[in-house]
Amino acid sequence: MRQSNVNTELQRPLRYLLALAASAVVGMSGTALAAPLTVKDISIAKQTEHYDVEVHYPQTGLAAVDTVINGWATGLVDDFVKQAEEDFASFANDSNRPDWTYSLDLNYEVARNDGEMFVVGFQEDIFTGGAHPNHDIETFNFLMPDGWQVFLPEIFDPPALDRISELTIADLKSQWSDEDAMSDDDWLNTGAGPQWSNFKDFLLLADTLIIDFPPYQVAAYAAGPQEVRIPLSKLKGLMRTDWRMPVPSFDCAKAGTPTEKAICSDVALARLDREVAGAYQQQLSYADDAQKTAIRNAQRAWLGTRDACGGSVVCLTDAYDQRLKALQSG
């Protein structure tokens, strides 16, 4: 299971900022090519007796891109510093106070910057004690020229999910020998099974889909991060024509209630719906039978609360926010 000591709730509102602000609704085929963005490296360095921060992220001059990346990176730093200060304050009068220093290291690589898309991947290491740092991955994919952030379920039609999962598992198995795999079929089927949330860390190149997995998602920590490269030719015919349409976790063609229709009319709500669905499935995947019953009952109860909102975007947003927090803390 992937681990992180930083609260990911700080990241989530930023994911929807572009969806609320952008007004253009065109498909990739209608996107005019722009010049590649000029990338400036921004660094944040903080060092105290108790923690060390070394963070780098790109600045492009395009507000839609910079708002998301800057907000995510600075939020990561702020949350880490807050945790470090709170932890060491609690150790103030403790004879078992740790003698190590907390650290946060964040680096990035621009994977694509060709005027059609701007794609960047981050490698994050956080150490707060233990045998090794926690390693995590975060990726961002933006359409040009306006900087609309796009996610995998918005790029590919639903049948692509099974295909991506199948290709990913086959590729990972081909990379490992029996002696050094440090994984098994159950681990692979959980971490790379057909759930969109399993493929959230992706980089879309001109001819290749790269899927990255942090330690623990598909193999042991000692195996390190894993990467799969899928030629887009193997996903031919599975791309959506419009990558900016709302795509929730259910089929909008079957939307019948005011709530479902509201979700299918709002990109931000549709993304929230997917995120809640992913968090719900992840909880189920790690639960025993008794826990699964409780999780399903809680989800059914929440669906009743959600549907009582009717078509109110404000009410629905709050309902999804609350459910996501409950699922992520459960």
C-alpha atoms as a PDB file:
ATOM      1  CA  MET A   1       0.000   0.000   0.000  1.00  0.00           C
ATOM      2  CA  ARG A   2       1.348   3.443  -0.801  1.00  0.00           C
ATOM      3  CA  GLN A   3       2.315   5.489   2.197  1.00  0.00           C
ATOM      4  CA  SER A   4       2.611   9.214   2.737  1.00  0.00           C
ATOM      5  CA  ASN A   5       2.946  11.383   5.814  1.00  0.00           C
ATOM      6  CA  VAL A   6       1.581  14.440   4.061  1.00  0.00           C
ATOM      7  CA  ASN A   7      -2.163  15.132   4.066  1.00  0.00           C
ATOM      8  CA  THR A   8      -3.341  14.840   0.466  1.00  0.00           C
ATOM      9  CA  GLU A   9      -6.454  16.892   1.232  1.00  0.00           C
ATOM     10  CA  LEU A  10      -4.400  19.993   0.464  1.00  0.00           C
ATOM     11  CA  GLN A  11      -3.972  18.768  -3.093  1.00  0.00           C
ATOM     12  CA  ARG A  12      -7.585  18.059  -3.917  1.00  0.00           C
ATOM     13  CA  PRO A  13      -9.150  21.563  -4.217  1.00  0.00           C
ATOM     14  CA  LEU A  14      -6.421  22.587  -6.635  1.00  0.00           C
ATOM     15  CA  ARG A  15      -7.337  19.754  -8.970  1.00  0.00           C
ATOM     16  CA  TYR A  16     -10.667  21.419  -9.615  1.00  0.00           C
ATOM     17  CA  LEU A  17      -9.468  25.014  -9.902  1.00  0.00           C
ATOM     18  CA  LEU A  18      -8.941  24.776 -13.625  1.00  0.00           C
ATOM     19  CA  ALA A  19     -12.257  23.042 -14.145  1.00  0.00           C
ATOM     20  CA  LEU A  20     -14.039  25.918 -12.467  1.00  0.00           C
ATOM     21  CA  ALA A  21     -12.039  28.670 -14.134  1.00  0.00           C
ATOM     22  CA  ALA A  22     -11.568  27.504 -17.702  1.00  0.00           C
ATOM     23  CA  SER A  23     -14.272  28.465 -20.164  1.00  0.00           C
ATOM     24  CA  ALA A  24     -13.091  26.910 -23.438  1.00  0.00           C
ATOM     25  CA  VAL A  25     -14.697  23.573 -24.258  1.00  0.00           C
ATOM     26  CA  VAL A  26     -12.936  22.065 -27.239  1.00  0.00           C
ATOM     27  CA  GLY A  27     -11.485  18.651 -27.998  1.00  0.00           C
ATOM     28  CA  MET A  28      -7.876  17.926 -28.714  1.00  0.00           C
ATOM     29  CA  SER A  29      -8.594  18.021 -32.431  1.00  0.00           C
ATOM     30  CA  GLY A  30      -9.663  21.626 -32.077  1.00  0.00           C
ATOM     31  CA  THR A  31      -6.752  22.780 -29.931  1.00  0.00           C
ATOM     32  CA  ALA A  32      -4.465  25.164 -31.752  1.00  0.00           C
ATOM     33  CA  LEU A  33      -0.792  24.369 -31.330  1.00  0.00           C
ATOM     34  CA  ALA A  34       1.148  26.848 -29.248  1.00  0.00           C
ATOM     35  CA  ALA A  35       4.840  27.397 -28.678  1.00  0.00           C
ATOM     36  CA  PRO A  36       6.461  25.294 -25.941  1.00  0.00           C
ATOM     37  CA  LEU A  37       6.315  26.919 -22.529  1.00  0.00           C
ATOM     38  CA  THR A  38       9.393  28.557 -21.050  1.00  0.00           C
ATOM     39  CA  VAL A  39      10.216  26.676 -17.841  1.00  0.00           C
ATOM     40  CA  LYS A  40      11.859  28.321 -14.836  1.00  0.00           C
ATOM     41  CA  ASP A  41      12.989  26.245 -11.870  1.00  0.00           C
ATOM     42  CA  ILE A  42      11.546  27.407  -8.540  1.00  0.00           C
ATOM     43  CA  SER A  43      13.121  26.152  -5.329  1.00  0.00           C
ATOM     44  CA  ILE A  44      12.080  26.189  -1.694  1.00  0.00           C
ATOM     45  CA  ALA A  45      14.755  25.491   0.905  1.00  0.00           C
ATOM     46  CA  LYS A  46      14.115  25.447   4.645  1.00  0.00           C
ATOM     47  CA  GLN A  47      16.398  24.094   7.318  1.00  0.00           C
ATOM     48  CA  THR A  48      16.014  24.018  11.084  1.00  0.00           C
ATOM     49  CA  GLU A  49      17.292  21.860  13.907  1.00  0.00           C
ATOM     50  CA  HIS A  50      14.402  19.469  13.305  1.00  0.00           C
ATOM     51  CA  TYR A  51      13.684  19.408   9.580  1.00  0.00           C
ATOM     52  CA  ASP A  52      15.230  19.952   6.167  1.00  0.00           C
ATOM     53  CA  VAL A  53      13.241  20.922   3.065  1.00  0.00           C
ATOM     54  CA  GLU A  54      14.577  20.931  -0.502  1.00  0.00           C
ATOM     55  CA  VAL A  55      11.806  21.388  -3.064  1.00  0.00           C
ATOM     56  CA  HIS A  56      11.936  22.151  -6.779  1.00  0.00           C
ATOM     57  CA  TYR A  57       9.045  22.736  -9.170  1.00  0.00           C
ATOM     58  CA  PRO A  58       8.587  24.379 -12.581  1.00  0.00           C
ATOM     59  CA  GLN A  59       7.096  27.777 -13.320  1.00  0.00           C
ATOM     60  CA  THR A  60       5.871  28.331 -16.865  1.00  0.00           C
ATOM     61  CA  GLY A  61       4.314  31.781 -16.961  1.00  0.00           C
ATOM     62  CA  LEU A  62       0.934  30.239 -17.856  1.00  0.00           C
ATOM     63  CA  ALA A  63      -1.330  31.012 -14.930  1.00  0.00           C
ATOM     64  CA  ALA A  64      -3.563  27.951 -15.279  1.00  0.00           C
ATOM     65  CA  VAL A  65      -0.562  25.617 -15.029  1.00  0.00           C
ATOM     66  CA  ASP A  66       1.356  27.582 -12.412  1.00  0.00           C
ATOM     67  CA  THR A  67      -1.645  27.958 -10.094  1.00  0.00           C
ATOM     68  CA  VAL A  68      -2.068  24.204  -9.858  1.00  0.00           C
ATOM     69  CA  ILE A  69       1.596  23.231  -9.552  1.00  0.00           C
ATOM     70  CA  ASN A  70       2.599  26.093  -7.254  1.00  0.00           C
ATOM     71  CA  GLY A  71      -0.397  25.505  -5.014  1.00  0.00           C
ATOM     72  CA  TRP A  72       0.294  21.788  -4.780  1.00  0.00           C
ATOM     73  CA  ALA A  73       4.040  22.160  -4.113  1.00  0.00           C
ATOM     74  CA  THR A  74       3.742  24.944  -1.545  1.00  0.00           C
ATOM     75  CA  GLY A  75       0.856  23.129   0.126  1.00  0.00           C
ATOM     76  CA  LEU A  76       3.046  20.037   0.393  1.00  0.00           C
ATOM     77  CA  VAL A  77       5.771  22.100   2.074  1.00  0.00           C
ATOM     78  CA  ASP A  78       3.371  23.846   4.433  1.00  0.00           C
ATOM     79  CA  ASP A  79       1.786  20.585   5.528  1.00  0.00           C
ATOM     80  CA  PHE A  80       5.155  18.901   6.035  1.00  0.00           C
ATOM     81  CA  VAL A  81       6.525  21.794   8.107  1.00  0.00           C
ATOM     82  CA  LYS A  82       3.375  21.875  10.229  1.00  0.00           C
ATOM     83  CA  GLN A  83       3.645  18.154  10.927  1.00  0.00           C
ATOM     84  CA  ALA A  84       7.357  18.386  11.760  1.00  0.00           C
ATOM     85  CA  GLU A  85       6.851  21.304  14.145  1.00  0.00           C
ATOM     86  CA  GLU A  86       3.915  19.619  15.869  1.00  0.00           C
ATOM     87  CA  ASP A  87       5.786  16.328  16.206  1.00  0.00           C
ATOM     88  CA  PHE A  88       8.929  17.841  17.711  1.00  0.00           C
ATOM     89  CA  ALA A  89       6.883  20.063  20.029  1.00  0.00           C
ATOM     90  CA  SER A  90       5.238  16.916  21.375  1.00  0.00           C
ATOM     91  CA  PHE A  91       8.701  15.423  21.964  1.00  0.00           C
ATOM     92  CA  ALA A  92       9.916  18.460  23.948  1.00  0.00           C
ATOM     93  CA  ASN A  93       9.888  16.787  27.360  1.00  0.00           C
ATOM     94  CA  ASP A  94      10.243  13.229  26.157  1.00  0.00           C
ATOM     95  CA  SER A  95      13.373  11.293  27.051  1.00  0.00           C
ATOM     96  CA  ASN A  96      12.779   9.225  23.909  1.00  0.00           C
ATOM     97  CA  ARG A  97      12.903  12.262  21.654  1.00  0.00           C
ATOM     98  CA  PRO A  98      14.199  11.178  18.224  1.00  0.00           C
ATOM     99  CA  ASP A  99      17.734  12.163  17.279  1.00  0.00           C
ATOM    100  CA  TRP A 100      17.026  12.240  13.539  1.00  0.00           C
ATOM    101  CA  THR A 101      15.979  15.102  11.293  1.00  0.00           C
ATOM    102  CA  TYR A 102      12.786  15.089   9.254  1.00  0.00           C
ATOM    103  CA  SER A 103      13.302  15.749   5.553  1.00  0.00           C
ATOM    104  CA  LEU A 104      11.277  16.530   2.449  1.00  0.00           C
ATOM    105  CA  ASP A 105      12.849  16.301  -1.008  1.00  0.00           C
ATOM    106  CA  LEU A 106      10.872  17.047  -4.166  1.00  0.00           C
ATOM    107  CA  ASN A 107      12.227  16.985  -7.707  1.00  0.00           C
ATOM    108  CA  TYR A 108      10.600  16.947 -11.116  1.00  0.00           C
ATOM    109  CA  GLU A 109      11.097  16.175 -14.777  1.00  0.00           C
ATOM    110  CA  VAL A 110       9.247  17.827 -17.648  1.00  0.00           C
ATOM    111  CA  ALA A 111       8.222  14.852 -19.768  1.00  0.00           C
ATOM    112  CA  ARG A 112       6.475  16.776 -22.545  1.00  0.00           C
ATOM    113  CA  ASN A 113       6.422  20.417 -23.607  1.00  0.00           C
ATOM    114  CA  ASP A 114       5.553  20.554 -27.280  1.00  0.00           C
ATOM    115  CA  GLY A 115       2.836  23.185 -27.572  1.00  0.00           C
ATOM    116  CA  GLU A 116       0.105  20.531 -27.538  1.00  0.00           C
ATOM    117  CA  MET A 117       0.613  19.351 -23.958  1.00  0.00           C
ATOM    118  CA  PHE A 118       2.694  20.234 -20.913  1.00  0.00           C
ATOM    119  CA  VAL A 119       3.408  17.144 -18.811  1.00  0.00           C
ATOM    120  CA  VAL A 120       5.484  16.981 -15.642  1.00  0.00           C
ATOM    121  CA  GLY A 121       6.256  14.236 -13.132  1.00  0.00           C
ATOM    122  CA  PHE A 122       7.382  14.684  -9.516  1.00  0.00           C
ATOM    123  CA  GLN A 123       9.403  12.381  -7.269  1.00  0.00           C
ATOM    124  CA  GLU A 124       8.812  12.957  -3.564  1.00  0.00           C
ATOM    125  CA  ASP A 125      10.771  11.589  -0.594  1.00  0.00           C
ATOM    126  CA  ILE A 126       9.676  12.212   2.975  1.00  0.00           C
ATOM    127  CA  PHE A 127      11.563  10.947   6.008  1.00  0.00           C
ATOM    128  CA  THR A 128      10.039  11.163   9.474  1.00  0.00           C
ATOM    129  CA  GLY A 129      11.775   8.171  11.003  1.00  0.00           C
ATOM    130  CA  GLY A 130      11.710   4.456  10.361  1.00  0.00           C
ATOM    131  CA  ALA A 131      13.771   2.202   8.158  1.00  0.00           C
ATOM    132  CA  HIS A 132      13.528   4.365   5.034  1.00  0.00           C
ATOM    133  CA  PRO A 133      11.886   7.461   3.567  1.00  0.00           C
ATOM    134  CA  ASN A 134       8.391   7.274   2.110  1.00  0.00           C
ATOM    135  CA  HIS A 135       8.528   7.722  -1.649  1.00  0.00           C
ATOM    136  CA  ASP A 136       5.616   9.067  -3.644  1.00  0.00           C
ATOM    137  CA  ILE A 137       4.874  10.177  -7.193  1.00  0.00           C
ATOM    138  CA  GLU A 138       2.664  12.960  -8.543  1.00  0.00           C
ATOM    139  CA  THR A 139       2.032  13.775 -12.183  1.00  0.00           C
ATOM    140  CA  PHE A 140       0.321  16.636 -14.001  1.00  0.00           C
ATOM    141  CA  ASN A 141      -0.918  16.680 -17.592  1.00  0.00           C
ATOM    142  CA  PHE A 142      -2.129  19.940 -19.153  1.00  0.00           C
ATOM    143  CA  LEU A 143      -3.640  20.675 -22.544  1.00  0.00           C
ATOM    144  CA  MET A 144      -2.278  23.641 -24.446  1.00  0.00           C
ATOM    145  CA  PRO A 145      -2.694  26.459 -25.152  1.00  0.00           C
ATOM    146  CA  ASP A 146      -4.915  27.232 -22.140  1.00  0.00           C
ATOM    147  CA  GLY A 147      -3.457  24.845 -19.538  1.00  0.00           C
ATOM    148  CA  TRP A 148      -6.553  22.722 -18.897  1.00  0.00           C
ATOM    149  CA  GLN A 149      -5.570  19.879 -16.565  1.00  0.00           C
ATOM    150  CA  VAL A 150      -6.721  16.488 -17.791  1.00  0.00           C
ATOM    151  CA  PHE A 151      -7.012  13.072 -16.122  1.00  0.00           C
ATOM    152  CA  LEU A 152      -6.871   9.574 -17.565  1.00  0.00           C
ATOM    153  CA  PRO A 153     -10.624   8.755 -17.420  1.00  0.00           C
ATOM    154  CA  GLU A 154     -11.250  11.949 -19.389  1.00  0.00           C
ATOM    155  CA  ILE A 155      -8.813  10.916 -22.110  1.00  0.00           C
ATOM    156  CA  PHE A 156      -9.897   7.299 -22.596  1.00  0.00           C
ATOM    157  CA  ASP A 157     -13.285   5.656 -22.983  1.00  0.00           C
ATOM    158  CA  PRO A 158     -14.332   3.127 -20.282  1.00  0.00           C
ATOM    159  CA  PRO A 159     -13.298   0.008 -22.293  1.00  0.00           C
ATOM    160  CA  ALA A 160      -9.718   1.297 -22.216  1.00  0.00           C
ATOM    161  CA  LEU A 161      -9.517   0.673 -18.470  1.00  0.00           C
ATOM    162  CA  ASP A 162      -9.462  -3.103 -18.803  1.00  0.00           C
ATOM    163  CA  ARG A 163      -6.985  -2.842 -21.676  1.00  0.00           C
ATOM    164  CA  ILE A 164      -4.620  -0.542 -19.759  1.00  0.00           C
ATOM    165  CA  SER A 165      -4.789  -2.841 -16.721  1.00  0.00           C
ATOM    166  CA  GLU A 166      -4.129  -5.929 -18.849  1.00  0.00           C
ATOM    167  CA  LEU A 167      -1.167  -4.353 -20.636  1.00  0.00           C
ATOM    168  CA  THR A 168       0.259  -2.963 -17.401  1.00  0.00           C
ATOM    169  CA  ILE A 169       0.171  -6.250 -15.513  1.00  0.00           C
ATOM    170  CA  ALA A 170       1.673  -8.126 -18.459  1.00  0.00           C
ATOM    171  CA  ASP A 171       4.458  -5.561 -18.796  1.00  0.00           C
ATOM    172  CA  LEU A 172       5.311  -5.615 -15.086  1.00  0.00           C
ATOM    173  CA  LYS A 173       5.498  -9.404 -15.104  1.00  0.00           C
ATOM    174  CA  SER A 174       7.779  -9.299 -18.122  1.00  0.00           C
ATOM    175  CA  GLN A 175      10.117  -6.902 -16.305  1.00  0.00           C
ATOM    176  CA  TRP A 176      10.514  -9.149 -13.284  1.00  0.00           C
ATOM    177  CA  SER A 177      12.138 -12.517 -12.946  1.00  0.00           C
ATOM    178  CA  ASP A 178      10.688 -15.056 -10.526  1.00  0.00           C
ATOM    179  CA  GLU A 179      13.612 -14.496  -8.185  1.00  0.00           C
ATOM    180  CA  ASP A 180      13.431 -10.728  -7.785  1.00  0.00           C
ATOM    181  CA  ALA A 181       9.808  -9.773  -8.425  1.00  0.00           C
ATOM    182  CA  MET A 182       9.062  -8.981  -4.761  1.00  0.00           C
ATOM    183  CA  SER A 183       5.387  -9.101  -5.683  1.00  0.00           C
ATOM    184  CA  ASP A 184       2.636 -11.612  -6.438  1.00  0.00           C
ATOM    185  CA  ASP A 185      -0.558 -11.888  -8.458  1.00  0.00           C
ATOM    186  CA  ASP A 186      -2.795 -10.631  -5.663  1.00  0.00           C
ATOM    187  CA  TRP A 187      -0.581  -7.576  -5.193  1.00  0.00           C
ATOM    188  CA  LEU A 188      -0.551  -6.872  -8.914  1.00  0.00           C
ATOM    189  CA  ASN A 189      -4.282  -7.369  -9.343  1.00  0.00           C
ATOM    190  CA  THR A 190      -4.949  -4.966  -6.486  1.00  0.00           C
ATOM    191  CA  GLY A 191      -2.430  -2.265  -7.384  1.00  0.00           C
ATOM    192  CA  ALA A 192      -2.815  -2.461 -11.170  1.00  0.00           C
ATOM    193  CA  GLY A 193      -6.323  -3.877 -11.487  1.00  0.00           C
ATOM    194  CA  PRO A 194      -9.011  -2.126 -13.553  1.00  0.00           C
ATOM    195  CA  GLN A 195      -9.636   0.918 -11.360  1.00  0.00           C
ATOM    196  CA  TRP A 196      -8.847   4.381 -12.697  1.00  0.00           C
ATOM    197  CA  SER A 197      -7.357   5.400  -9.344  1.00  0.00           C
ATOM    198  CA  ASN A 198      -4.614   2.780  -9.843  1.00  0.00           C
ATOM    199  CA  PHE A 199      -3.353   4.752 -12.849  1.00  0.00           C
ATOM    200  CA  LYS A 200      -3.520   8.279 -11.479  1.00  0.00           C
ATOM    201  CA  ASP A 201       0.244   8.779 -11.899  1.00  0.00           C
ATOM    202  CA  PHE A 202       0.513   8.923 -15.676  1.00  0.00           C
ATOM    203  CA  LEU A 203       2.468  10.878 -18.280  1.00  0.00           C
ATOM    204  CA  LEU A 204       0.901  11.228 -21.712  1.00  0.00           C
ATOM    205  CA  LEU A 205       3.561  11.550 -24.397  1.00  0.00           C
ATOM    206  CA  ALA A 206       2.907  12.022 -28.109  1.00  0.00           C
ATOM    207  CA  ASP A 207       3.014   8.289 -28.808  1.00  0.00           C
ATOM    208  CA  THR A 208       3.279   6.620 -25.395  1.00  0.00           C
ATOM    209  CA  LEU A 209       1.313   6.380 -22.160  1.00  0.00           C
ATOM    210  CA  ILE A 210       3.637   6.083 -19.159  1.00  0.00           C
ATOM    211  CA  ILE A 211       2.203   4.701 -15.932  1.00  0.00           C
ATOM    212  CA  ASP A 212       4.243   5.170 -12.745  1.00  0.00           C
ATOM    213  CA  PHE A 213       3.744   3.288  -9.495  1.00  0.00           C
ATOM    214  CA  PRO A 214       5.278   4.305  -6.152  1.00  0.00           C
ATOM    215  CA  PRO A 215       6.720   1.663  -3.828  1.00  0.00           C
ATOM    216  CA  TYR A 216       4.145  -0.659  -2.250  1.00  0.00           C
ATOM    217  CA  GLN A 217       1.464  -0.177  -4.912  1.00  0.00           C
ATOM    218  CA  VAL A 218       2.445  -3.159  -7.063  1.00  0.00           C
ATOM    219  CA  ALA A 219       5.563  -4.499  -5.325  1.00  0.00           C
ATOM    220  CA  ALA A 220       7.644  -4.278  -2.170  1.00  0.00           C
ATOM    221  CA  TYR A 221       9.516  -1.126  -1.215  1.00  0.00           C
ATOM    222  CA  ALA A 222      12.824  -2.792  -2.015  1.00  0.00           C
ATOM    223  CA  ALA A 223      11.691  -3.192  -5.629  1.00  0.00           C
ATOM    224  CA  GLY A 224      11.538   0.600  -5.934  1.00  0.00           C
ATOM    225  CA  PRO A 225       9.143   2.630  -8.076  1.00  0.00           C
ATOM    226  CA  GLN A 226       7.810   0.820 -11.121  1.00  0.00           C
ATOM    227  CA  GLU A 227       7.185   2.203 -14.612  1.00  0.00           C
ATOM    228  CA  VAL A 228       5.195   0.863 -17.540  1.00  0.00           C
ATOM    229  CA  ARG A 229       5.312   2.323 -21.056  1.00  0.00           C
ATOM    230  CA  ILE A 230       2.315   1.558 -23.280  1.00  0.00           C
ATOM    231  CA  PRO A 231       2.490   2.554 -26.973  1.00  0.00           C
ATOM    232  CA  LEU A 232      -0.645   4.505 -27.847  1.00  0.00           C
ATOM    233  CA  SER A 233      -0.958   2.265 -30.884  1.00  0.00           C
ATOM    234  CA  LYS A 234      -2.068  -0.475 -28.483  1.00  0.00           C
ATOM    235  CA  LEU A 235      -4.918   1.763 -27.309  1.00  0.00           C
ATOM    236  CA  LYS A 236      -6.073   2.749 -30.785  1.00  0.00           C
ATOM    237  CA  GLY A 237      -9.776   3.601 -30.989  1.00  0.00           C
ATOM    238  CA  LEU A 238     -10.131   3.926 -27.217  1.00  0.00           C
ATOM    239  CA  MET A 239      -9.555   7.679 -26.844  1.00  0.00           C
ATOM    240  CA  ARG A 240     -12.384  10.118 -26.244  1.00  0.00           C
ATOM    241  CA  THR A 241     -12.955  12.822 -28.847  1.00  0.00           C
ATOM    242  CA  ASP A 242     -13.450  15.552 -26.210  1.00  0.00           C
ATOM    243  CA  TRP A 243     -11.140  15.473 -23.198  1.00  0.00           C
ATOM    244  CA  ARG A 244     -12.882  18.348 -21.420  1.00  0.00           C
ATOM    245  CA  MET A 245     -16.302  16.819 -20.856  1.00  0.00           C
ATOM    246  CA  PRO A 246     -17.470  15.814 -17.333  1.00  0.00           C
ATOM    247  CA  VAL A 247     -16.670  12.140 -16.720  1.00  0.00           C
ATOM    248  CA  PRO A 248     -17.965  10.767 -13.400  1.00  0.00           C
ATOM    249  CA  SER A 249     -17.670   7.180 -12.203  1.00  0.00           C
ATOM    250  CA  PHE A 250     -21.004   6.243 -13.801  1.00  0.00           C
ATOM    251  CA  ASP A 251     -22.401   6.362 -17.342  1.00  0.00           C
ATOM    252  CA  CYS A 252     -23.884   9.790 -17.989  1.00  0.00           C
ATOM    253  CA  ALA A 253     -25.987   8.324 -20.797  1.00  0.00           C
ATOM    254  CA  LYS A 254     -27.998   6.627 -18.042  1.00  0.00           C
ATOM    255  CA  ALA A 255     -28.240   9.677 -15.734  1.00  0.00           C
ATOM    256  CA  GLY A 256     -31.863  10.011 -14.639  1.00  0.00           C
ATOM    257  CA  THR A 257     -32.025  11.847 -11.320  1.00  0.00           C
ATOM    258  CA  PRO A 258     -31.419  15.579 -10.790  1.00  0.00           C
ATOM    259  CA  THR A 259     -28.281  14.659  -8.827  1.00  0.00           C
ATOM    260  CA  GLU A 260     -26.852  12.495 -11.597  1.00  0.00           C
ATOM    261  CA  LYS A 261     -27.639  15.107 -14.217  1.00  0.00           C
ATOM    262  CA  ALA A 262     -25.949  17.823 -12.153  1.00  0.00           C
ATOM    263  CA  ILE A 263     -22.809  15.697 -11.775  1.00  0.00           C
ATOM    264  CA  CYS A 264     -22.790  14.995 -15.507  1.00  0.00           C
ATOM    265  CA  SER A 265     -22.987  18.735 -16.225  1.00  0.00           C
ATOM    266  CA  ASP A 266     -20.064  19.851 -14.056  1.00  0.00           C
ATOM    267  CA  VAL A 267     -16.427  18.838 -14.528  1.00  0.00           C
ATOM    268  CA  ALA A 268     -15.473  19.550 -10.912  1.00  0.00           C
ATOM    269  CA  LEU A 269     -18.341  17.448  -9.535  1.00  0.00           C
ATOM    270  CA  ALA A 270     -17.579  14.643 -11.970  1.00  0.00           C
ATOM    271  CA  ARG A 271     -13.961  14.581 -10.789  1.00  0.00           C
ATOM    272  CA  LEU A 272     -15.078  14.543  -7.169  1.00  0.00           C
ATOM    273  CA  ASP A 273     -17.403  11.648  -7.955  1.00  0.00           C
ATOM    274  CA  ARG A 274     -14.510   9.684  -9.468  1.00  0.00           C
ATOM    275  CA  GLU A 275     -12.273  10.421  -6.514  1.00  0.00           C
ATOM    276  CA  VAL A 276     -14.854   9.275  -3.983  1.00  0.00           C
ATOM    277  CA  ALA A 277     -15.539   6.144  -6.031  1.00  0.00           C
ATOM    278  CA  GLY A 278     -11.804   5.399  -6.149  1.00  0.00           C
ATOM    279  CA  ALA A 279     -11.337   5.931  -2.400  1.00  0.00           C
ATOM    280  CA  TYR A 280     -14.357   3.701  -1.716  1.00  0.00           C
ATOM    281  CA  GLN A 281     -12.995   0.889  -3.894  1.00  0.00           C
ATOM    282  CA  GLN A 282      -9.573   1.199  -2.289  1.00  0.00           C
ATOM    283  CA  GLN A 283     -11.076   0.838   1.191  1.00  0.00           C
ATOM    284  CA  LEU A 284     -12.971  -2.259   0.080  1.00  0.00           C
ATOM    285  CA  SER A 285      -9.860  -3.810  -1.460  1.00  0.00           C
ATOM    286  CA  TYR A 286      -8.010  -3.818   1.884  1.00  0.00           C
ATOM    287  CA  ALA A 287     -10.961  -4.725   4.134  1.00  0.00           C
ATOM    288  CA  ASP A 288     -12.009  -8.083   5.574  1.00  0.00           C
ATOM    289  CA  ASP A 289     -15.579  -9.349   5.177  1.00  0.00           C
ATOM    290  CA  ALA A 290     -16.925  -7.650   8.297  1.00  0.00           C
ATOM    291  CA  GLN A 291     -15.268  -4.358   7.399  1.00  0.00           C
ATOM    292  CA  LYS A 292     -16.603  -4.560   3.837  1.00  0.00           C
ATOM    293  CA  THR A 293     -20.163  -4.797   5.121  1.00  0.00           C
ATOM    294  CA  ALA A 294     -19.682  -1.681   7.252  1.00  0.00           C
ATOM    295  CA  ILE A 295     -18.040   0.226   4.395  1.00  0.00           C
ATOM    296  CA  ARG A 296     -20.845  -0.665   1.973  1.00  0.00           C
ATOM    297  CA  ASN A 297     -23.507   0.331   4.488  1.00  0.00           C
ATOM    298  CA  ALA A 298     -21.805   3.670   5.081  1.00  0.00           C
ATOM    299  CA  GLN A 299     -21.594   4.265   1.329  1.00  0.00           C
ATOM    300  CA  ARG A 300     -25.297   3.496   0.845  1.00  0.00           C
ATOM    301  CA  ALA A 301     -26.200   5.878   3.654  1.00  0.00           C
ATOM    302  CA  TRP A 302     -24.030   8.577   2.145  1.00  0.00           C
ATOM    303  CA  LEU A 303     -25.607   8.100  -1.298  1.00  0.00           C
ATOM    304  CA  GLY A 304     -28.963   8.901   0.283  1.00  0.00           C
ATOM    305  CA  THR A 305     -27.521  12.079   1.772  1.00  0.00           C
ATOM    306  CA  ARG A 306     -25.950  13.009  -1.564  1.00  0.00           C
ATOM    307  CA  ASP A 307     -29.126  12.425  -3.545  1.00  0.00           C
ATOM    308  CA  ALA A 308     -31.073  14.613  -1.138  1.00  0.00           C
ATOM    309  CA  CYS A 309     -29.066  17.532  -2.548  1.00  0.00           C
ATOM    310  CA  GLY A 310     -30.963  17.235  -5.823  1.00  0.00           C
ATOM    311  CA  GLY A 311     -29.204  19.358  -8.423  1.00  0.00           C
ATOM    312  CA  SER A 312     -27.535  21.813  -6.014  1.00  0.00           C
ATOM    313  CA  VAL A 313     -23.843  22.042  -6.938  1.00  0.00           C
ATOM    314  CA  VAL A 314     -22.949  23.650  -3.588  1.00  0.00           C
ATOM    315  CA  CYS A 315     -24.716  20.930  -1.598  1.00  0.00           C
ATOM    316  CA  LEU A 316     -23.247  18.152  -3.745  1.00  0.00           C
ATOM    317  CA  THR A 317     -19.730  19.543  -3.475  1.00  0.00           C
ATOM    318  CA  ASP A 318     -20.006  19.631   0.313  1.00  0.00           C
ATOM    319  CA  ALA A 319     -21.427  16.098   0.417  1.00  0.00           C
ATOM    320  CA  TYR A 320     -18.572  14.754  -1.703  1.00  0.00           C
ATOM    321  CA  ASP A 321     -15.984  16.665   0.345  1.00  0.00           C
ATOM    322  CA  GLN A 322     -17.256  15.153   3.557  1.00  0.00           C
ATOM    323  CA  ARG A 323     -17.413  11.623   2.173  1.00  0.00           C
ATOM    324  CA  LEU A 324     -13.912  11.848   0.735  1.00  0.00           C
ATOM    325  CA  LYS A 325     -12.524  12.948   4.078  1.00  0.00           C
ATOM    326  CA  ALA A 326     -14.291  10.057   5.804  1.00  0.00           C
ATOM    327  CA  LEU A 327     -12.987   7.500   3.302  1.00  0.00           C
ATOM    328  CA  GLN A 328      -9.414   8.803   3.404  1.00  0.00           C
ATOM    329  CA  SER A 329      -9.305   8.844   7.208  1.00  0.00           C
ATOM    330  CA  GLY A 330     -11.023   5.465   7.611  1.00  0.00           C
END
